[in-house]
C-alpha atoms as a PDB file:
ATOM      1  CA  MET A   1      -6.699 -16.240 -14.989  1.00  0.00           C
ATOM      2  CA  SER A   2      -6.547 -13.788 -17.957  1.00  0.00           C
ATOM      3  CA  CYS A   3      -4.364 -10.788 -18.131  1.00  0.00           C
ATOM      4  CA  CYS A   4      -7.463  -8.643 -18.039  1.00  0.00           C
ATOM      5  CA  THR A   5      -8.675 -10.443 -14.927  1.00  0.00           C
ATOM      6  CA  GLY A   6      -5.227 -10.410 -13.402  1.00  0.00           C
ATOM      7  CA  ARG A   7      -5.179  -5.964 -14.044  1.00  0.00           C
ATOM      8  CA  CYS A   8      -8.475  -5.974 -12.379  1.00  0.00           C
ATOM      9  CA  ALA A   9      -8.021  -7.862  -9.299  1.00  0.00           C
ATOM     10  CA  LEU A  10      -4.486  -6.020  -8.654  1.00  0.00           C
ATOM     11  CA  ILE A  11      -6.596  -2.620  -9.531  1.00  0.00           C
ATOM     12  CA  PHE A  12      -8.702  -3.635  -6.515  1.00  0.00           C
ATOM     13  CA  LEU A  13      -5.963  -4.911  -4.077  1.00  0.00           C
ATOM     14  CA  CYS A  14      -4.445  -1.464  -5.024  1.00  0.00           C
ATOM     15  CA  THR A  15      -7.669   0.797  -4.064  1.00  0.00           C
ATOM     16  CA  PHE A  16      -8.012  -1.449  -0.977  1.00  0.00           C
ATOM     17  CA  GLN A  17      -4.488  -0.849   0.447  1.00  0.00           C
ATOM     18  CA  LEU A  18      -4.662   2.702   0.138  1.00  0.00           C
ATOM     19  CA  LEU A  19      -8.243   3.380   1.762  1.00  0.00           C
ATOM     20  CA  GLY A  20      -6.474   0.647   4.631  1.00  0.00           C
ATOM     21  CA  ALA A  21      -3.227   3.187   4.792  1.00  0.00           C
ATOM     22  CA  LEU A  22      -5.332   6.273   4.859  1.00  0.00           C
ATOM     23  CA  GLU A  23      -7.549   4.419   7.428  1.00  0.00           C
ATOM     24  CA  ARG A  24      -4.361   3.787   9.983  1.00  0.00           C
ATOM     25  CA  GLN A  25      -2.308   6.965   8.930  1.00  0.00           C
ATOM     26  CA  ILE A  26      -5.642   9.064  10.525  1.00  0.00           C
ATOM     27  CA  PHE A  27      -5.546   6.879  13.858  1.00  0.00           C
ATOM     28  CA  ASP A  28      -1.446   7.288  13.495  1.00  0.00           C
ATOM     29  CA  PHE A  29      -1.782  11.175  13.468  1.00  0.00           C
ATOM     30  CA  LEU A  30      -3.683  11.448  16.371  1.00  0.00           C
ATOM     31  CA  GLY A  31      -1.442   9.149  18.489  1.00  0.00           C
ATOM     32  CA  TYR A  32       1.585  10.912  17.300  1.00  0.00           C
ATOM     33  CA  GLN A  33       3.173   7.465  16.518  1.00  0.00           C
ATOM     34  CA  TRP A  34       5.857   9.128  13.799  1.00  0.00           C
ATOM     35  CA  ALA A  35       7.317   5.863  12.756  1.00  0.00           C
ATOM     36  CA  PRO A  36       4.264   4.343  11.359  1.00  0.00           C
ATOM     37  CA  ILE A  37       3.134   8.118  10.156  1.00  0.00           C
ATOM     38  CA  LEU A  38       6.615   8.165   7.849  1.00  0.00           C
ATOM     39  CA  GLY A  39       5.943   4.807   6.557  1.00  0.00           C
ATOM     40  CA  ASN A  40       2.170   5.041   5.882  1.00  0.00           C
ATOM     41  CA  PHE A  41       3.079   7.983   3.759  1.00  0.00           C
ATOM     42  CA  LEU A  42       5.628   5.864   1.820  1.00  0.00           C
ATOM     43  CA  HIS A  43       3.152   3.052   1.751  1.00  0.00           C
ATOM     44  CA  ILE A  44       0.178   5.418  -0.045  1.00  0.00           C
ATOM     45  CA  ILE A  45       2.994   6.951  -2.267  1.00  0.00           C
ATOM     46  CA  VAL A  46       4.232   3.501  -3.891  1.00  0.00           C
ATOM     47  CA  VAL A  47       0.576   1.946  -4.005  1.00  0.00           C
ATOM     48  CA  ILE A  48      -0.547   5.140  -5.866  1.00  0.00           C
ATOM     49  CA  LEU A  49       2.360   3.752  -8.084  1.00  0.00           C
ATOM     50  CA  GLY A  50       1.439   0.585  -8.595  1.00  0.00           C
ATOM     51  CA  LEU A  51      -2.367   1.695  -9.365  1.00  0.00           C
ATOM     52  CA  PHE A  52      -0.964   3.546 -12.355  1.00  0.00           C
ATOM     53  CA  GLY A  53       1.380   1.211 -13.145  1.00  0.00           C
ATOM     54  CA  THR A  54      -1.130  -1.364 -13.926  1.00  0.00           C
ATOM     55  CA  ILE A  55      -3.861   1.118 -15.307  1.00  0.00           C
ATOM     56  CA  GLN A  56      -1.554   2.490 -17.883  1.00  0.00           C
ATOM     57  CA  TYR A  57       0.376  -0.816 -18.658  1.00  0.00           C
ATOM     58  CA  ARG A  58       3.912  -0.121 -17.125  1.00  0.00           C
ATOM     59  CA  PRO A  59       5.257  -3.167 -15.596  1.00  0.00           C
ATOM     60  CA  LYS A  60       8.334  -1.350 -14.031  1.00  0.00           C
ATOM     61  CA  TYR A  61       6.226   0.776 -11.944  1.00  0.00           C
ATOM     62  CA  ILE A  62       4.390  -2.729 -10.885  1.00  0.00           C
ATOM     63  CA  VAL A  63       7.778  -3.985 -10.223  1.00  0.00           C
ATOM     64  CA  VAL A  64       8.822  -1.123  -7.379  1.00  0.00           C
ATOM     65  CA  TYR A  65       5.680  -1.985  -6.137  1.00  0.00           C
ATOM     66  CA  ALA A  66       5.875  -5.201  -5.661  1.00  0.00           C
ATOM     67  CA  ILE A  67       9.424  -4.759  -3.890  1.00  0.00           C
ATOM     68  CA  TRP A  68       7.982  -1.921  -1.624  1.00  0.00           C
ATOM     69  CA  ASN A  69       5.123  -4.829  -0.680  1.00  0.00           C
ATOM     70  CA  ALA A  70       7.570  -7.348   0.058  1.00  0.00           C
ATOM     71  CA  LEU A  71       9.294  -4.660   2.576  1.00  0.00           C
ATOM     72  CA  TRP A  72       6.007  -3.636   4.008  1.00  0.00           C
ATOM     73  CA  VAL A  73       4.982  -7.385   5.246  1.00  0.00           C
ATOM     74  CA  ALA A  74       8.224  -7.264   6.913  1.00  0.00           C
ATOM     75  CA  TRP A  75       7.510  -3.952   8.503  1.00  0.00           C
ATOM     76  CA  ASN A  76       4.155  -5.254   9.871  1.00  0.00           C
ATOM     77  CA  VAL A  77       5.820  -8.044  10.839  1.00  0.00           C
ATOM     78  CA  PHE A  78       8.251  -5.850  13.176  1.00  0.00           C
ATOM     79  CA  ILE A  79       5.210  -4.314  14.368  1.00  0.00           C
ATOM     80  CA  ILE A  80       3.016  -7.146  15.315  1.00  0.00           C
ATOM     81  CA  CYS A  81       6.386  -8.581  17.243  1.00  0.00           C
ATOM     82  CA  PHE A  82       6.636  -4.583  19.044  1.00  0.00           C
ATOM     83  CA  TYR A  83       2.953  -4.359  20.472  1.00  0.00           C
ATOM     84  CA  LEU A  84       3.117  -8.475  21.676  1.00  0.00           C
ATOM     85  CA  GLU A  85       6.596  -7.749  22.790  1.00  0.00           C
ATOM     86  CA  VAL A  86       7.948 -10.721  20.949  1.00  0.00           C
ATOM     87  CA  GLY A  87      11.750 -11.012  20.632  1.00  0.00           C
ATOM     88  CA  GLY A  88      12.861  -9.001  23.467  1.00  0.00           C
ATOM     89  CA  LEU A  89      10.665  -5.444  22.501  1.00  0.00           C
ATOM     90  CA  SER A  90       8.770  -3.768  24.469  1.00  0.00           C
ATOM     91  CA  LYS A  91       5.544  -1.538  23.662  1.00  0.00           C
ATOM     92  CA  ASP A  92       6.634   0.828  26.596  1.00  0.00           C
ATOM     93  CA  THR A  93       9.615   1.869  24.961  1.00  0.00           C
ATOM     94  CA  ASP A  94       9.299   5.867  22.713  1.00  0.00           C
ATOM     95  CA  PHE A  95      10.858   3.951  19.398  1.00  0.00           C
ATOM     96  CA  MET A  96       6.891   4.570  17.465  1.00  0.00           C
ATOM     97  CA  THR A  97       7.664   8.309  18.223  1.00  0.00           C
ATOM     98  CA  PHE A  98      10.990   8.762  17.691  1.00  0.00           C
ATOM     99  CA  ASN A  99      11.794   9.523  21.143  1.00  0.00           C
ATOM    100  CA  ILE A 100      10.468  12.864  20.486  1.00  0.00           C
ATOM    101  CA  SER A 101       6.984  12.722  23.175  1.00  0.00           C
ATOM    102  CA  MET A 102       5.656   9.974  25.588  1.00  0.00           C
ATOM    103  CA  HIS A 103       2.606   9.521  23.354  1.00  0.00           C
ATOM    104  CA  ARG A 104       1.697   6.038  22.890  1.00  0.00           C
ATOM    105  CA  SER A 105      -1.188   4.443  20.527  1.00  0.00           C
ATOM    106  CA  TRP A 106      -4.210   6.190  20.287  1.00  0.00           C
ATOM    107  CA  TRP A 107      -6.430   3.008  20.981  1.00  0.00           C
ATOM    108  CA  ARG A 108      -4.882   2.845  24.465  1.00  0.00           C
ATOM    109  CA  GLU A 109      -7.009   5.113  25.341  1.00  0.00           C
ATOM    110  CA  HIS A 110      -9.898   5.132  22.934  1.00  0.00           C
ATOM    111  CA  GLY A 111     -10.305   1.505  22.459  1.00  0.00           C
ATOM    112  CA  PRO A 112     -13.674  -0.250  21.666  1.00  0.00           C
ATOM    113  CA  GLY A 113     -15.549  -0.067  25.740  1.00  0.00           C
ATOM    114  CA  CYS A 114     -12.300   2.055  27.108  1.00  0.00           C
ATOM    115  CA  VAL A 115     -13.685   4.838  29.460  1.00  0.00           C
ATOM    116  CA  ARG A 116     -10.736   7.554  29.980  1.00  0.00           C
ATOM    117  CA  ARG A 117     -10.584   9.508  33.316  1.00  0.00           C
ATOM    118  CA  GLU A 118      -7.985  11.845  34.835  1.00  0.00           C
ATOM    119  CA  VAL A 119      -7.047  11.123  38.092  1.00  0.00           C
ATOM    120  CA  GLN A 120      -5.320  14.770  40.202  1.00  0.00           C
ATOM    121  CA  PRO A 121      -2.034  13.150  42.226  1.00  0.00           C
ATOM    122  CA  PRO A 122      -1.433  14.768  45.151  1.00  0.00           C
ATOM    123  CA  PRO A 123       1.110  17.809  44.682  1.00  0.00           C
ATOM    124  CA  SER A 124       3.729  15.984  46.107  1.00  0.00           C
ATOM    125  CA  GLN A 125       3.922  13.275  43.344  1.00  0.00           C
ATOM    126  CA  ALA A 126       3.737  15.008  40.237  1.00  0.00           C
ATOM    127  CA  PRO A 127       3.946  18.987  38.761  1.00  0.00           C
ATOM    128  CA  ALA A 128       1.005  21.229  38.933  1.00  0.00           C
ATOM    129  CA  ASP A 129       0.426  21.049  35.022  1.00  0.00           C
ATOM    130  CA  HIS A 130       0.614  16.885  34.650  1.00  0.00           C
ATOM    131  CA  SER A 131      -2.243  14.425  35.849  1.00  0.00           C
ATOM    132  CA  TYR A 132      -2.793  10.817  35.517  1.00  0.00           C
ATOM    133  CA  ILE A 133      -4.934   9.120  33.040  1.00  0.00           C
ATOM    134  CA  SER A 134      -7.002   5.719  34.098  1.00  0.00           C
ATOM    135  CA  VAL A 135      -8.745   3.850  31.009  1.00  0.00           C
ATOM    136  CA  THR A 136     -10.628   1.104  32.226  1.00  0.00           C
ATOM    137  CA  GLY A 137     -13.462  -1.112  30.779  1.00  0.00           C
ATOM    138  CA  CYS A 138     -11.617  -1.975  27.561  1.00  0.00           C
ATOM    139  CA  ILE A 139     -12.872  -4.939  25.419  1.00  0.00           C
ATOM    140  CA  MET A 140      -9.205  -5.444  23.799  1.00  0.00           C
ATOM    141  CA  PRO A 141      -6.251  -4.668  24.993  1.00  0.00           C
ATOM    142  CA  PHE A 142      -4.457  -1.940  22.314  1.00  0.00           C
ATOM    143  CA  GLN A 143      -1.774  -3.698  21.177  1.00  0.00           C
ATOM    144  CA  TYR A 144      -3.955  -6.218  20.340  1.00  0.00           C
ATOM    145  CA  LEU A 145      -6.050  -4.171  17.932  1.00  0.00           C
ATOM    146  CA  GLU A 146      -2.410  -2.449  16.502  1.00  0.00           C
ATOM    147  CA  ALA A 147      -1.580  -6.380  15.701  1.00  0.00           C
ATOM    148  CA  LEU A 148      -4.983  -6.743  13.976  1.00  0.00           C
ATOM    149  CA  HIS A 149      -3.958  -3.809  11.965  1.00  0.00           C
ATOM    150  CA  SER A 150      -0.993  -4.832  11.113  1.00  0.00           C
ATOM    151  CA  SER A 151      -2.150  -8.185  10.241  1.00  0.00           C
ATOM    152  CA  PHE A 152      -4.833  -7.688   8.040  1.00  0.00           C
ATOM    153  CA  GLN A 153      -2.445  -4.913   6.235  1.00  0.00           C
ATOM    154  CA  LEU A 154       0.607  -8.175   5.778  1.00  0.00           C
ATOM    155  CA  LEU A 155      -1.993 -10.642   4.208  1.00  0.00           C
ATOM    156  CA  LEU A 156      -3.265  -7.966   1.750  1.00  0.00           C
ATOM    157  CA  SER A 157       0.359  -6.822   0.851  1.00  0.00           C
ATOM    158  CA  LEU A 158       1.274 -10.550   0.654  1.00  0.00           C
ATOM    159  CA  ILE A 159      -2.182 -10.880  -1.886  1.00  0.00           C
ATOM    160  CA  SER A 160      -0.540  -8.137  -3.202  1.00  0.00           C
ATOM    161  CA  PHE A 161       2.892  -9.135  -3.871  1.00  0.00           C
ATOM    162  CA  VAL A 162       1.382 -12.540  -5.577  1.00  0.00           C
ATOM    163  CA  CYS A 163      -0.871 -11.027  -7.860  1.00  0.00           C
ATOM    164  CA  ALA A 164       1.991  -7.933  -8.771  1.00  0.00           C
ATOM    165  CA  CYS A 165       4.185 -10.960  -9.675  1.00  0.00           C
ATOM    166  CA  TYR A 166       1.698 -12.750 -11.976  1.00  0.00           C
ATOM    167  CA  VAL A 167       0.681  -9.315 -13.753  1.00  0.00           C
ATOM    168  CA  ILE A 168       4.249  -8.489 -14.604  1.00  0.00           C
ATOM    169  CA  SER A 169       4.520 -11.685 -16.109  1.00  0.00           C
ATOM    170  CA  VAL A 170       1.902 -11.897 -18.375  1.00  0.00           C
ATOM    171  CA  LEU A 171       2.762  -8.505 -19.639  1.00  0.00           C
ATOM    172  CA  THR A 172       6.302  -8.746 -20.101  1.00  0.00           C
ATOM    173  CA  GLU A 173       5.396 -12.156 -21.849  1.00  0.00           C
ATOM    174  CA  GLU A 174       3.160  -9.881 -23.761  1.00  0.00           C
ATOM    175  CA  GLU A 175       6.010  -7.407 -24.630  1.00  0.00           C
ATOM    176  CA  ASP A 176       7.938  -9.944 -26.164  1.00  0.00           C
ATOM    177  CA  ASN A 177       5.289 -11.623 -28.502  1.00  0.00           C
ATOM    178  CA  PHE A 178       4.383  -7.507 -29.534  1.00  0.00           C
ATOM    179  CA  ASP A 179       8.120  -7.256 -30.212  1.00  0.00           C
ATOM    180  CA  PHE A 180       8.762 -10.770 -31.764  1.00  0.00           C
ATOM    181  CA  ILE A 181       5.308 -11.191 -33.605  1.00  0.00           C
ATOM    182  CA  GLY A 182       2.676  -8.717 -33.316  1.00  0.00           C
ATOM    183  CA  GLY A 183       4.727  -5.961 -33.977  1.00  0.00           C
ATOM    184  CA  ARG A 184       6.332  -7.572 -37.024  1.00  0.00           C
ATOM    185  CA  ASP A 185       2.649  -7.999 -37.960  1.00  0.00           C
ATOM    186  CA  SER A 186       1.669  -4.963 -37.304  1.00  0.00           C
ATOM    187  CA  TYR A 187       4.292  -2.560 -38.819  1.00  0.00           C
ATOM    188  CA  THR A 188       3.703  -4.803 -42.166  1.00  0.00           C
ATOM    189  CA  CYS A 189      -0.396  -3.885 -41.648  1.00  0.00           C
ATOM    190  CA  HIS A 190       0.888  -0.273 -41.235  1.00  0.00           C
ATOM    191  CA  SER A 191       2.997  -0.445 -44.127  1.00  0.00           C
ATOM    192  CA  SER A 192       0.646  -2.008 -46.460  1.00  0.00           C
ATOM    193  CA  LEU A 193      -2.172   0.958 -45.546  1.00  0.00           C
ATOM    194  CA  GLN A 194       0.440   3.517 -46.097  1.00  0.00           C
ATOM    195  CA  LYS A 195       1.400   2.154 -49.500  1.00  0.00           C
ATOM    196  CA  SER A 196      -1.897   2.091 -50.543  1.00  0.00           C
ATOM    197  CA  SER A 197      -2.852   5.431 -49.818  1.00  0.00           C
ATOM    198  CA  HIS A 198       0.017   6.184 -51.940  1.00  0.00           C
ATOM    199  CA  VAL A 199      -1.323   4.710 -54.587  1.00  0.00           C
ATOM    200  CA  GLN A 200      -1.197   6.983 -58.283  1.00  0.00           C
ATOM    201  CA  LEU A 201      -4.113   7.821 -60.102  1.00  0.00           C
ATOM    202  CA  LYS A 202      -3.157   7.658 -63.784  1.00  0.00           C
ATOM    203  CA  PRO A 203      -5.766   8.506 -66.555  1.00  0.00           C
ATOM    204  CA  VAL A 204      -7.192   5.984 -68.755  1.00  0.00           C
ATOM    205  CA  TYR A 205      -7.914   6.858 -72.488  1.00  0.00           C
ATOM    206  CA  LEU A 206     -10.858   4.809 -73.939  1.00  0.00           C
ATOM    207  CA  SER A 207     -10.652   4.636 -77.586  1.00  0.00           C
ATOM    208  CA  ASN A 208     -13.691   4.817 -80.169  1.00  0.00           C
END
């Protein structure tokens, strides 16, 4: 795979990651999931930075992007374990909302096939301004939908990490070749052109 192919692939992956992060951010905003909202915001910034670095041949920016993808993989693994309640984690805690509210995932009430109904409890069991919500008929539980979202992000980040590492190695190798070979050649060529442009014209006298 050439450098041009690697860059094109990384640009495509960055664009795909950006669209996926925006889609995820919308649903996290609807569910008031403040921890994922903050993570998605940072993810969008770093993906834009990686996209800019890829287009402008900036290996340092791509390095930051690659490191972030590794962290993003770890974050999505945590979310998968959180919603599937692996390792003692519980999806019913308020971690995702920073304990600010009792909101849960937007997919909990609006998943495919879900029917949402408000049930008024007896006055002795709940305050007057509160109501119980009954959700039935869901094709897939919300925790599996969240896990699928995170799995997709995880897979995309793994591919992007590998592609970013390849592009970094190719760009770094090209910079080294330019410094030790191409740079010297280009300087010599430039110098020769510059010298030829300063050739003085002397008059030539013809004798009869």
